[in-house]
Amino acid sequence: MKQIIVVNLSLRLPNGKLAAQVAHASVASLLITEPEILSQWLEIGMPKIALKANDDSELLGLHERAEEAGIPSQLIRDAGKTVVTFGTITCLGLGPAKVKEIDAVTKELKLL
């Protein structure tokens, strides 16, 4: 089990903004995870990995593939109050899910 957060690199977010968006993606995705999967993930220490996407179109494609695979998936769109405009896609939260399932969707991505 693991969770993956994919960051939109094209935005070049400041570190503090990036950290907040990653946290939003993690929480949003886990909130829609089935209780049994969530319990298993919590028991093994909540493993998560941050990966990078080139732009929002790549995040949209990953989101679609994750949903087709039955993996909890949440796109994070910014509120537009600070660095980027309202609705900008900053991150994608995936899982927690089984490693094999989530890796099938994200295997081409590089570590953040």
PDB file of N, CA and C in Angstrom:
ATOM      1  N   MET A   1       0.834  -1.178   0.000  1.00  0.00           N
ATOM      2  CA  MET A   1       0.000   0.000   0.000  1.00  0.00           C
ATOM      3  C   MET A   1       0.879   1.242   0.000  1.00  0.00           C
ATOM      4  N   LYS A   2       0.420   2.229  -0.760  1.00  0.00           N
ATOM      5  CA  LYS A   2       1.076   3.524  -0.714  1.00  0.00           C
ATOM      6  C   LYS A   2       0.150   4.576  -1.307  1.00  0.00           C
ATOM      7  N   GLN A   3       0.505   5.813  -1.052  1.00  0.00           N
ATOM      8  CA  GLN A   3      -0.190   6.950  -1.631  1.00  0.00           C
ATOM      9  C   GLN A   3       0.833   7.694  -2.480  1.00  0.00           C
ATOM     10  N   ILE A   4       0.359   8.252  -3.582  1.00  0.00           N
ATOM     11  CA  ILE A   4       1.233   9.044  -4.444  1.00  0.00           C
ATOM     12  C   ILE A   4       0.617  10.418  -4.638  1.00  0.00           C
ATOM     13  N   ILE A   5       1.456  11.429  -4.545  1.00  0.00           N
ATOM     14  CA  ILE A   5       1.060  12.793  -4.837  1.00  0.00           C
ATOM     15  C   ILE A   5       1.868  13.226  -6.058  1.00  0.00           C
ATOM     16  N   VAL A   6       1.165  13.690  -7.085  1.00  0.00           N
ATOM     17  CA  VAL A   6       1.823  14.140  -8.309  1.00  0.00           C
ATOM     18  C   VAL A   6       1.679  15.660  -8.386  1.00  0.00           C
ATOM     19  N   VAL A   7       2.807  16.332  -8.566  1.00  0.00           N
ATOM     20  CA  VAL A   7       2.875  17.794  -8.542  1.00  0.00           C
ATOM     21  C   VAL A   7       3.002  18.346  -9.964  1.00  0.00           C
ATOM     22  N   ASN A   8       2.292  19.429 -10.225  1.00  0.00           N
ATOM     23  CA  ASN A   8       2.352  20.130 -11.509  1.00  0.00           C
ATOM     24  C   ASN A   8       3.605  21.012 -11.535  1.00  0.00           C
ATOM     25  N   LEU A   9       4.657  20.525 -12.193  1.00  0.00           N
ATOM     26  CA  LEU A   9       5.931  21.249 -12.221  1.00  0.00           C
ATOM     27  C   LEU A   9       5.882  22.542 -13.010  1.00  0.00           C
ATOM     28  N   SER A  10       4.980  22.640 -13.963  1.00  0.00           N
ATOM     29  CA  SER A  10       4.942  23.829 -14.811  1.00  0.00           C
ATOM     30  C   SER A  10       4.648  25.098 -14.019  1.00  0.00           C
ATOM     31  N   LEU A  11       4.095  24.959 -12.826  1.00  0.00           N
ATOM     32  CA  LEU A  11       3.730  26.131 -12.022  1.00  0.00           C
ATOM     33  C   LEU A  11       4.903  26.735 -11.263  1.00  0.00           C
ATOM     34  N   ARG A  12       5.938  25.952 -11.018  1.00  0.00           N
ATOM     35  CA  ARG A  12       7.116  26.411 -10.258  1.00  0.00           C
ATOM     36  C   ARG A  12       6.703  27.105  -8.960  1.00  0.00           C
ATOM     37  N   LEU A  13       5.910  26.382  -8.190  1.00  0.00           N
ATOM     38  CA  LEU A  13       5.372  26.932  -6.944  1.00  0.00           C
ATOM     39  C   LEU A  13       6.472  27.151  -5.908  1.00  0.00           C
ATOM     40  N   PRO A  14       6.353  28.217  -5.099  1.00  0.00           N
ATOM     41  CA  PRO A  14       7.277  28.386  -3.970  1.00  0.00           C
ATOM     42  C   PRO A  14       7.124  27.193  -3.013  1.00  0.00           C
ATOM     43  N   ASN A  15       8.165  26.891  -2.267  1.00  0.00           N
ATOM     44  CA  ASN A  15       8.166  25.699  -1.405  1.00  0.00           C
ATOM     45  C   ASN A  15       6.987  25.637  -0.445  1.00  0.00           C
ATOM     46  N   GLY A  16       6.647  26.742   0.191  1.00  0.00           N
ATOM     47  CA  GLY A  16       5.534  26.738   1.139  1.00  0.00           C
ATOM     48  C   GLY A  16       4.212  26.437   0.464  1.00  0.00           C
ATOM     49  N   LYS A  17       3.981  27.040  -0.687  1.00  0.00           N
ATOM     50  CA  LYS A  17       2.751  26.804  -1.453  1.00  0.00           C
ATOM     51  C   LYS A  17       2.713  25.350  -1.922  1.00  0.00           C
ATOM     52  N   LEU A  18       3.837  24.852  -2.389  1.00  0.00           N
ATOM     53  CA  LEU A  18       3.917  23.464  -2.850  1.00  0.00           C
ATOM     54  C   LEU A  18       3.588  22.500  -1.709  1.00  0.00           C
ATOM     55  N   ALA A  19       4.151  22.742  -0.536  1.00  0.00           N
ATOM     56  CA  ALA A  19       3.885  21.873   0.619  1.00  0.00           C
ATOM     57  C   ALA A  19       2.401  21.865   0.961  1.00  0.00           C
ATOM     58  N   ALA A  20       1.763  23.023   0.935  1.00  0.00           N
ATOM     59  CA  ALA A  20       0.335  23.100   1.241  1.00  0.00           C
ATOM     60  C   ALA A  20      -0.496  22.340   0.214  1.00  0.00           C
ATOM     61  N   GLN A  21      -0.143  22.467  -1.055  1.00  0.00           N
ATOM     62  CA  GLN A  21      -0.898  21.787  -2.108  1.00  0.00           C
ATOM     63  C   GLN A  21      -0.727  20.265  -2.031  1.00  0.00           C
ATOM     64  N   VAL A  22       0.475  19.818  -1.711  1.00  0.00           N
ATOM     65  CA  VAL A  22       0.722  18.387  -1.527  1.00  0.00           C
ATOM     66  C   VAL A  22      -0.110  17.859  -0.363  1.00  0.00           C
ATOM     67  N   ALA A  23      -0.174  18.618   0.721  1.00  0.00           N
ATOM     68  CA  ALA A  23      -0.980  18.207   1.877  1.00  0.00           C
ATOM     69  C   ALA A  23      -2.459  18.138   1.494  1.00  0.00           C
ATOM     70  N   HIS A  24      -2.949  19.101   0.740  1.00  0.00           N
ATOM     71  CA  HIS A  24      -4.342  19.071   0.273  1.00  0.00           C
ATOM     72  C   HIS A  24      -4.609  17.791  -0.516  1.00  0.00           C
ATOM     73  N   ALA A  25      -3.690  17.455  -1.415  1.00  0.00           N
ATOM     74  CA  ALA A  25      -3.871  16.268  -2.265  1.00  0.00           C
ATOM     75  C   ALA A  25      -3.874  14.984  -1.439  1.00  0.00           C
ATOM     76  N   SER A  26      -2.991  14.902  -0.472  1.00  0.00           N
ATOM     77  CA  SER A  26      -2.922  13.719   0.372  1.00  0.00           C
ATOM     78  C   SER A  26      -4.219  13.522   1.145  1.00  0.00           C
ATOM     79  N   VAL A  27      -4.675  14.571   1.806  1.00  0.00           N
ATOM     80  CA  VAL A  27      -5.883  14.479   2.626  1.00  0.00           C
ATOM     81  C   VAL A  27      -7.115  14.232   1.754  1.00  0.00           C
ATOM     82  N   ALA A  28      -7.235  14.950   0.652  1.00  0.00           N
ATOM     83  CA  ALA A  28      -8.419  14.809  -0.209  1.00  0.00           C
ATOM     84  C   ALA A  28      -8.544  13.389  -0.747  1.00  0.00           C
ATOM     85  N   SER A  29      -7.433  12.807  -1.120  1.00  0.00           N
ATOM     86  CA  SER A  29      -7.463  11.454  -1.665  1.00  0.00           C
ATOM     87  C   SER A  29      -7.785  10.418  -0.592  1.00  0.00           C
ATOM     88  N   LEU A  30      -7.193  10.570   0.583  1.00  0.00           N
ATOM     89  CA  LEU A  30      -7.468   9.575   1.621  1.00  0.00           C
ATOM     90  C   LEU A  30      -8.907   9.652   2.123  1.00  0.00           C
ATOM     91  N   LEU A  31      -9.526  10.822   2.047  1.00  0.00           N
ATOM     92  CA  LEU A  31     -10.913  10.955   2.505  1.00  0.00           C
ATOM     93  C   LEU A  31     -11.911  10.165   1.662  1.00  0.00           C
ATOM     94  N   ILE A  32     -11.521   9.816   0.432  1.00  0.00           N
ATOM     95  CA  ILE A  32     -12.423   9.023  -0.421  1.00  0.00           C
ATOM     96  C   ILE A  32     -11.986   7.561  -0.532  1.00  0.00           C
ATOM     97  N   THR A  33     -11.019   7.179   0.295  1.00  0.00           N
ATOM     98  CA  THR A  33     -10.511   5.810   0.288  1.00  0.00           C
ATOM     99  C   THR A  33     -11.408   4.910   1.132  1.00  0.00           C
ATOM    100  N   GLU A  34     -11.618   3.688   0.666  1.00  0.00           N
ATOM    101  CA  GLU A  34     -12.419   2.714   1.410  1.00  0.00           C
ATOM    102  C   GLU A  34     -11.792   2.481   2.788  1.00  0.00           C
ATOM    103  N   PRO A  35     -12.623   2.371   3.818  1.00  0.00           N
ATOM    104  CA  PRO A  35     -12.106   2.234   5.191  1.00  0.00           C
ATOM    105  C   PRO A  35     -11.113   1.089   5.379  1.00  0.00           C
ATOM    106  N   GLU A  36     -11.347  -0.058   4.759  1.00  0.00           N
ATOM    107  CA  GLU A  36     -10.428  -1.193   4.924  1.00  0.00           C
ATOM    108  C   GLU A  36      -9.046  -0.877   4.356  1.00  0.00           C
ATOM    109  N   ILE A  37      -9.005  -0.266   3.180  1.00  0.00           N
ATOM    110  CA  ILE A  37      -7.736   0.110   2.556  1.00  0.00           C
ATOM    111  C   ILE A  37      -7.042   1.173   3.412  1.00  0.00           C
ATOM    112  N   LEU A  38      -7.801   2.135   3.861  1.00  0.00           N
ATOM    113  CA  LEU A  38      -7.245   3.195   4.704  1.00  0.00           C
ATOM    114  C   LEU A  38      -6.631   2.626   5.980  1.00  0.00           C
ATOM    115  N   SER A  39      -7.307   1.698   6.620  1.00  0.00           N
ATOM    116  CA  SER A  39      -6.786   1.075   7.843  1.00  0.00           C
ATOM    117  C   SER A  39      -5.472   0.353   7.581  1.00  0.00           C
ATOM    118  N   GLN A  40      -5.405  -0.373   6.472  1.00  0.00           N
ATOM    119  CA  GLN A  40      -4.172  -1.089   6.133  1.00  0.00           C
ATOM    120  C   GLN A  40      -3.021  -0.110   5.916  1.00  0.00           C
ATOM    121  N   TRP A  41      -3.299   0.966   5.221  1.00  0.00           N
ATOM    122  CA  TRP A  41      -2.286   1.979   4.929  1.00  0.00           C
ATOM    123  C   TRP A  41      -1.794   2.639   6.212  1.00  0.00           C
ATOM    124  N   LEU A  42      -2.717   2.960   7.109  1.00  0.00           N
ATOM    125  CA  LEU A  42      -2.345   3.565   8.384  1.00  0.00           C
ATOM    126  C   LEU A  42      -1.475   2.623   9.213  1.00  0.00           C
ATOM    127  N   GLU A  43      -1.807   1.340   9.202  1.00  0.00           N
ATOM    128  CA  GLU A  43      -1.068   0.349   9.987  1.00  0.00           C
ATOM    129  C   GLU A  43       0.375   0.187   9.532  1.00  0.00           C
ATOM    130  N   ILE A  44       0.649   0.425   8.256  1.00  0.00           N
ATOM    131  CA  ILE A  44       2.023   0.233   7.761  1.00  0.00           C
ATOM    132  C   ILE A  44       2.814   1.542   7.716  1.00  0.00           C
ATOM    133  N   GLY A  45       2.266   2.593   8.312  1.00  0.00           N
ATOM    134  CA  GLY A  45       3.035   3.823   8.446  1.00  0.00           C
ATOM    135  C   GLY A  45       2.750   4.911   7.419  1.00  0.00           C
ATOM    136  N   MET A  46       1.666   4.787   6.682  1.00  0.00           N
ATOM    137  CA  MET A  46       1.228   5.803   5.719  1.00  0.00           C
ATOM    138  C   MET A  46       2.269   6.139   4.649  1.00  0.00           C
ATOM    139  N   PRO A  47       2.841   5.135   3.974  1.00  0.00           N
ATOM    140  CA  PRO A  47       3.854   5.446   2.961  1.00  0.00           C
ATOM    141  C   PRO A  47       3.277   6.283   1.823  1.00  0.00           C
ATOM    142  N   LYS A  48       4.051   7.286   1.431  1.00  0.00           N
ATOM    143  CA  LYS A  48       3.650   8.138   0.319  1.00  0.00           C
ATOM    144  C   LYS A  48       4.877   8.577  -0.455  1.00  0.00           C
ATOM    145  N   ILE A  49       4.666   8.868  -1.719  1.00  0.00           N
ATOM    146  CA  ILE A  49       5.742   9.271  -2.613  1.00  0.00           C
ATOM    147  C   ILE A  49       5.266  10.484  -3.396  1.00  0.00           C
ATOM    148  N   ALA A  50       6.152  11.456  -3.586  1.00  0.00           N
ATOM    149  CA  ALA A  50       5.842  12.629  -4.404  1.00  0.00           C
ATOM    150  C   ALA A  50       6.525  12.470  -5.761  1.00  0.00           C
ATOM    151  N   LEU A  51       5.723  12.612  -6.799  1.00  0.00           N
ATOM    152  CA  LEU A  51       6.208  12.500  -8.178  1.00  0.00           C
ATOM    153  C   LEU A  51       5.909  13.796  -8.918  1.00  0.00           C
ATOM    154  N   LYS A  52       6.482  13.941 -10.108  1.00  0.00           N
ATOM    155  CA  LYS A  52       6.268  15.164 -10.863  1.00  0.00           C
ATOM    156  C   LYS A  52       5.610  14.899 -12.216  1.00  0.00           C
ATOM    157  N   ALA A  53       4.737  15.840 -12.568  1.00  0.00           N
ATOM    158  CA  ALA A  53       4.101  15.863 -13.885  1.00  0.00           C
ATOM    159  C   ALA A  53       4.510  17.165 -14.554  1.00  0.00           C
ATOM    160  N   ASN A  54       4.558  17.143 -15.868  1.00  0.00           N
ATOM    161  CA  ASN A  54       4.998  18.324 -16.607  1.00  0.00           C
ATOM    162  C   ASN A  54       3.982  19.455 -16.611  1.00  0.00           C
ATOM    163  N   ASP A  55       2.692  19.108 -16.591  1.00  0.00           N
ATOM    164  CA  ASP A  55       1.659  20.144 -16.696  1.00  0.00           C
ATOM    165  C   ASP A  55       0.303  19.583 -16.293  1.00  0.00           C
ATOM    166  N   ASP A  56      -0.711  20.444 -16.344  1.00  0.00           N
ATOM    167  CA  ASP A  56      -2.041  20.013 -15.904  1.00  0.00           C
ATOM    168  C   ASP A  56      -2.662  18.975 -16.828  1.00  0.00           C
ATOM    169  N   SER A  57      -2.323  18.989 -18.110  1.00  0.00           N
ATOM    170  CA  SER A  57      -2.892  17.971 -19.004  1.00  0.00           C
ATOM    171  C   SER A  57      -2.389  16.585 -18.631  1.00  0.00           C
ATOM    172  N   GLU A  58      -1.155  16.480 -18.193  1.00  0.00           N
ATOM    173  CA  GLU A  58      -0.627  15.196 -17.738  1.00  0.00           C
ATOM    174  C   GLU A  58      -1.349  14.750 -16.459  1.00  0.00           C
ATOM    175  N   LEU A  59      -1.620  15.687 -15.557  1.00  0.00           N
ATOM    176  CA  LEU A  59      -2.357  15.365 -14.337  1.00  0.00           C
ATOM    177  C   LEU A  59      -3.782  14.906 -14.660  1.00  0.00           C
ATOM    178  N   LEU A  60      -4.415  15.551 -15.610  1.00  0.00           N
ATOM    179  CA  LEU A  60      -5.771  15.151 -16.013  1.00  0.00           C
ATOM    180  C   LEU A  60      -5.783  13.732 -16.571  1.00  0.00           C
ATOM    181  N   GLY A  61      -4.798  13.392 -17.382  1.00  0.00           N
ATOM    182  CA  GLY A  61      -4.698  12.045 -17.927  1.00  0.00           C
ATOM    183  C   GLY A  61      -4.467  10.999 -16.847  1.00  0.00           C
ATOM    184  N   LEU A  62      -3.604  11.306 -15.894  1.00  0.00           N
ATOM    185  CA  LEU A  62      -3.351  10.400 -14.773  1.00  0.00           C
ATOM    186  C   LEU A  62      -4.607  10.209 -13.929  1.00  0.00           C
ATOM    187  N   HIS A  63      -5.315  11.293 -13.703  1.00  0.00           N
ATOM    188  CA  HIS A  63      -6.560  11.237 -12.936  1.00  0.00           C
ATOM    189  C   HIS A  63      -7.564  10.303 -13.611  1.00  0.00           C
ATOM    190  N   GLU A  64      -7.694  10.427 -14.900  1.00  0.00           N
ATOM    191  CA  GLU A  64      -8.620   9.575 -15.661  1.00  0.00           C
ATOM    192  C   GLU A  64      -8.212   8.103 -15.580  1.00  0.00           C
ATOM    193  N   ARG A  65      -6.923   7.833 -15.760  1.00  0.00           N
ATOM    194  CA  ARG A  65      -6.448   6.447 -15.687  1.00  0.00           C
ATOM    195  C   ARG A  65      -6.646   5.867 -14.294  1.00  0.00           C
ATOM    196  N   ALA A  66      -6.409   6.665 -13.267  1.00  0.00           N
ATOM    197  CA  ALA A  66      -6.598   6.196 -11.893  1.00  0.00           C
ATOM    198  C   ALA A  66      -8.066   5.867 -11.639  1.00  0.00           C
ATOM    199  N   GLU A  67      -8.950   6.731 -12.072  1.00  0.00           N
ATOM    200  CA  GLU A  67     -10.380   6.474 -11.874  1.00  0.00           C
ATOM    201  C   GLU A  67     -10.816   5.202 -12.607  1.00  0.00           C
ATOM    202  N   GLU A  68     -10.313   5.006 -13.814  1.00  0.00           N
ATOM    203  CA  GLU A  68     -10.631   3.790 -14.575  1.00  0.00           C
ATOM    204  C   GLU A  68     -10.143   2.543 -13.834  1.00  0.00           C
ATOM    205  N   ALA A  69      -9.024   2.669 -13.115  1.00  0.00           N
ATOM    206  CA  ALA A  69      -8.443   1.541 -12.374  1.00  0.00           C
ATOM    207  C   ALA A  69      -9.065   1.379 -10.987  1.00  0.00           C
ATOM    208  N   GLY A  70      -9.957   2.280 -10.599  1.00  0.00           N
ATOM    209  CA  GLY A  70     -10.593   2.193  -9.291  1.00  0.00           C
ATOM    210  C   GLY A  70      -9.736   2.693  -8.141  1.00  0.00           C
ATOM    211  N   ILE A  71      -8.748   3.521  -8.452  1.00  0.00           N
ATOM    212  CA  ILE A  71      -7.857   4.079  -7.437  1.00  0.00           C
ATOM    213  C   ILE A  71      -8.418   5.419  -6.973  1.00  0.00           C
ATOM    214  N   PRO A  72      -8.516   5.640  -5.659  1.00  0.00           N
ATOM    215  CA  PRO A  72      -8.964   6.958  -5.189  1.00  0.00           C
ATOM    216  C   PRO A  72      -8.081   8.050  -5.794  1.00  0.00           C
ATOM    217  N   SER A  73      -8.712   9.075  -6.337  1.00  0.00           N
ATOM    218  CA  SER A  73      -7.968  10.092  -7.071  1.00  0.00           C
ATOM    219  C   SER A  73      -8.643  11.447  -6.922  1.00  0.00           C
ATOM    220  N   GLN A  74      -7.872  12.442  -6.509  1.00  0.00           N
ATOM    221  CA  GLN A  74      -8.406  13.791  -6.329  1.00  0.00           C
ATOM    222  C   GLN A  74      -7.490  14.835  -6.945  1.00  0.00           C
ATOM    223  N   LEU A  75      -8.022  15.567  -7.926  1.00  0.00           N
ATOM    224  CA  LEU A  75      -7.310  16.712  -8.474  1.00  0.00           C
ATOM    225  C   LEU A  75      -7.450  17.880  -7.505  1.00  0.00           C
ATOM    226  N   ILE A  76      -6.377  18.602  -7.299  1.00  0.00           N
ATOM    227  CA  ILE A  76      -6.418  19.773  -6.428  1.00  0.00           C
ATOM    228  C   ILE A  76      -6.382  21.019  -7.303  1.00  0.00           C
ATOM    229  N   ARG A  77      -7.427  21.816  -7.170  1.00  0.00           N
ATOM    230  CA  ARG A  77      -7.535  23.082  -7.898  1.00  0.00           C
ATOM    231  C   ARG A  77      -7.428  24.209  -6.876  1.00  0.00           C
ATOM    232  N   ASP A  78      -6.544  25.141  -7.144  1.00  0.00           N
ATOM    233  CA  ASP A  78      -6.252  26.193  -6.179  1.00  0.00           C
ATOM    234  C   ASP A  78      -7.404  27.184  -6.036  1.00  0.00           C
ATOM    235  N   ALA A  79      -7.512  27.749  -4.840  1.00  0.00           N
ATOM    236  CA  ALA A  79      -8.543  28.746  -4.549  1.00  0.00           C
ATOM    237  C   ALA A  79      -8.206  30.113  -5.144  1.00  0.00           C
ATOM    238  N   GLY A  80      -6.977  30.299  -5.597  1.00  0.00           N
ATOM    239  CA  GLY A  80      -6.607  31.540  -6.270  1.00  0.00           C
ATOM    240  C   GLY A  80      -6.369  32.723  -5.373  1.00  0.00           C
ATOM    241  N   LYS A  81      -6.064  32.506  -4.122  1.00  0.00           N
ATOM    242  CA  LYS A  81      -5.900  33.618  -3.180  1.00  0.00           C
ATOM    243  C   LYS A  81      -4.466  34.121  -3.059  1.00  0.00           C
ATOM    244  N   THR A  82      -3.495  33.351  -3.572  1.00  0.00           N
ATOM    245  CA  THR A  82      -2.111  33.783  -3.407  1.00  0.00           C
ATOM    246  C   THR A  82      -1.329  33.739  -4.715  1.00  0.00           C
ATOM    247  N   VAL A  83      -0.743  32.622  -5.046  1.00  0.00           N
ATOM    248  CA  VAL A  83       0.268  32.536  -6.099  1.00  0.00           C
ATOM    249  C   VAL A  83      -0.299  32.283  -7.500  1.00  0.00           C
ATOM    250  N   VAL A  84      -1.321  31.446  -7.606  1.00  0.00           N
ATOM    251  CA  VAL A  84      -1.875  31.095  -8.921  1.00  0.00           C
ATOM    252  C   VAL A  84      -3.352  31.481  -8.982  1.00  0.00           C
ATOM    253  N   THR A  85      -3.897  31.467 -10.175  1.00  0.00           N
ATOM    254  CA  THR A  85      -5.289  31.878 -10.354  1.00  0.00           C
ATOM    255  C   THR A  85      -6.257  30.776  -9.928  1.00  0.00           C
ATOM    256  N   PHE A  86      -7.478  31.186  -9.637  1.00  0.00           N
ATOM    257  CA  PHE A  86      -8.534  30.275  -9.219  1.00  0.00           C
ATOM    258  C   PHE A  86      -8.689  29.135 -10.225  1.00  0.00           C
ATOM    259  N   GLY A  87      -8.754  27.909  -9.702  1.00  0.00           N
ATOM    260  CA  GLY A  87      -8.992  26.738 -10.531  1.00  0.00           C
ATOM    261  C   GLY A  87      -7.755  26.086 -11.115  1.00  0.00           C
ATOM    262  N   THR A  88      -6.591  26.674 -10.898  1.00  0.00           N
ATOM    263  CA  THR A  88      -5.353  26.084 -11.414  1.00  0.00           C
ATOM    264  C   THR A  88      -5.124  24.716 -10.778  1.00  0.00           C
ATOM    265  N   ILE A  89      -4.841  23.719 -11.604  1.00  0.00           N
ATOM    266  CA  ILE A  89      -4.572  22.370 -11.098  1.00  0.00           C
ATOM    267  C   ILE A  89      -3.129  22.312 -10.609  1.00  0.00           C
ATOM    268  N   THR A  90      -2.969  22.089  -9.306  1.00  0.00           N
ATOM    269  CA  THR A  90      -1.637  22.094  -8.700  1.00  0.00           C
ATOM    270  C   THR A  90      -1.082  20.695  -8.444  1.00  0.00           C
ATOM    271  N   CYS A  91      -1.947  19.775  -8.047  1.00  0.00           N
ATOM    272  CA  CYS A  91      -1.510  18.431  -7.647  1.00  0.00           C
ATOM    273  C   CYS A  91      -2.606  17.417  -7.920  1.00  0.00           C
ATOM    274  N   LEU A  92      -2.202  16.175  -7.842  1.00  0.00           N
ATOM    275  CA  LEU A  92      -3.129  15.047  -7.927  1.00  0.00           C
ATOM    276  C   LEU A  92      -2.789  14.080  -6.809  1.00  0.00           C
ATOM    277  N   GLY A  93      -3.774  13.751  -6.000  1.00  0.00           N
ATOM    278  CA  GLY A  93      -3.600  12.751  -4.955  1.00  0.00           C
ATOM    279  C   GLY A  93      -4.122  11.411  -5.448  1.00  0.00           C
ATOM    280  N   LEU A  94      -3.318  10.377  -5.308  1.00  0.00           N
ATOM    281  CA  LEU A  94      -3.691   9.017  -5.726  1.00  0.00           C
ATOM    282  C   LEU A  94      -3.537   8.068  -4.548  1.00  0.00           C
ATOM    283  N   GLY A  95      -4.590   7.320  -4.268  1.00  0.00           N
ATOM    284  CA  GLY A  95      -4.528   6.332  -3.208  1.00  0.00           C
ATOM    285  C   GLY A  95      -4.744   6.935  -1.846  1.00  0.00           C
ATOM    286  N   PRO A  96      -4.508   6.120  -0.850  1.00  0.00           N
ATOM    287  CA  PRO A  96      -3.745   4.893  -0.834  1.00  0.00           C
ATOM    288  C   PRO A  96      -4.404   3.771  -1.649  1.00  0.00           C
ATOM    289  N   ALA A  97      -3.514   2.942  -2.175  1.00  0.00           N
ATOM    290  CA  ALA A  97      -3.930   1.784  -2.960  1.00  0.00           C
ATOM    291  C   ALA A  97      -2.794   0.764  -2.940  1.00  0.00           C
ATOM    292  N   LYS A  98      -3.095  -0.418  -3.431  1.00  0.00           N
ATOM    293  CA  LYS A  98      -2.063  -1.452  -3.516  1.00  0.00           C
ATOM    294  C   LYS A  98      -0.958  -0.993  -4.454  1.00  0.00           C
ATOM    295  N   VAL A  99       0.280  -1.313  -4.103  1.00  0.00           N
ATOM    296  CA  VAL A  99       1.449  -0.867  -4.851  1.00  0.00           C
ATOM    297  C   VAL A  99       1.334  -1.239  -6.331  1.00  0.00           C
ATOM    298  N   LYS A 100       0.979  -2.462  -6.622  1.00  0.00           N
ATOM    299  CA  LYS A 100       0.897  -2.922  -8.012  1.00  0.00           C
ATOM    300  C   LYS A 100      -0.120  -2.092  -8.804  1.00  0.00           C
ATOM    301  N   GLU A 101      -1.252  -1.783  -8.192  1.00  0.00           N
ATOM    302  CA  GLU A 101      -2.298  -1.027  -8.879  1.00  0.00           C
ATOM    303  C   GLU A 101      -1.874   0.416  -9.138  1.00  0.00           C
ATOM    304  N   ILE A 102      -1.310   1.038  -8.133  1.00  0.00           N
ATOM    305  CA  ILE A 102      -0.944   2.450  -8.274  1.00  0.00           C
ATOM    306  C   ILE A 102       0.280   2.623  -9.171  1.00  0.00           C
ATOM    307  N   ASP A 103       1.217   1.670  -9.116  1.00  0.00           N
ATOM    308  CA  ASP A 103       2.386   1.733  -9.986  1.00  0.00           C
ATOM    309  C   ASP A 103       2.008   1.568 -11.458  1.00  0.00           C
ATOM    310  N   ALA A 104       0.941   0.839 -11.739  1.00  0.00           N
ATOM    311  CA  ALA A 104       0.501   0.676 -13.132  1.00  0.00           C
ATOM    312  C   ALA A 104       0.092   2.014 -13.736  1.00  0.00           C
ATOM    313  N   VAL A 105      -0.354   2.935 -12.920  1.00  0.00           N
ATOM    314  CA  VAL A 105      -0.788   4.253 -13.396  1.00  0.00           C
ATOM    315  C   VAL A 105       0.378   5.254 -13.429  1.00  0.00           C
ATOM    316  N   THR A 106       1.340   5.107 -12.510  1.00  0.00           N
ATOM    317  CA  THR A 106       2.374   6.140 -12.322  1.00  0.00           C
ATOM    318  C   THR A 106       3.787   5.707 -12.686  1.00  0.00           C
ATOM    319  N   LYS A 107       3.965   4.526 -13.243  1.00  0.00           N
ATOM    320  CA  LYS A 107       5.307   3.971 -13.428  1.00  0.00           C
ATOM    321  C   LYS A 107       6.239   4.817 -14.295  1.00  0.00           C
ATOM    322  N   GLU A 108       5.703   5.668 -15.149  1.00  0.00           N
ATOM    323  CA  GLU A 108       6.542   6.478 -16.040  1.00  0.00           C
ATOM    324  C   GLU A 108       7.011   7.781 -15.410  1.00  0.00           C
ATOM    325  N   LEU A 109       6.486   8.122 -14.233  1.00  0.00           N
ATOM    326  CA  LEU A 109       6.795   9.408 -13.610  1.00  0.00           C
ATOM    327  C   LEU A 109       8.096   9.360 -12.801  1.00  0.00           C
ATOM    328  N   LYS A 110       8.721  10.508 -12.685  1.00  0.00           N
ATOM    329  CA  LYS A 110       9.967  10.642 -11.914  1.00  0.00           C
ATOM    330  C   LYS A 110       9.663  11.203 -10.528  1.00  0.00           C
ATOM    331  N   LEU A 111      10.573  10.903  -9.589  1.00  0.00           N
ATOM    332  CA  LEU A 111      10.463  11.441  -8.235  1.00  0.00           C
ATOM    333  C   LEU A 111      10.578  12.966  -8.254  1.00  0.00           C
ATOM    334  N   LEU A 112       9.858  13.591  -7.346  1.00  0.00           N
ATOM    335  CA  LEU A 112       9.919  15.042  -7.209  1.00  0.00           C
ATOM    336  C   LEU A 112      11.254  15.438  -6.601  1.00  0.00           C
TER     337      LEU A 112
END
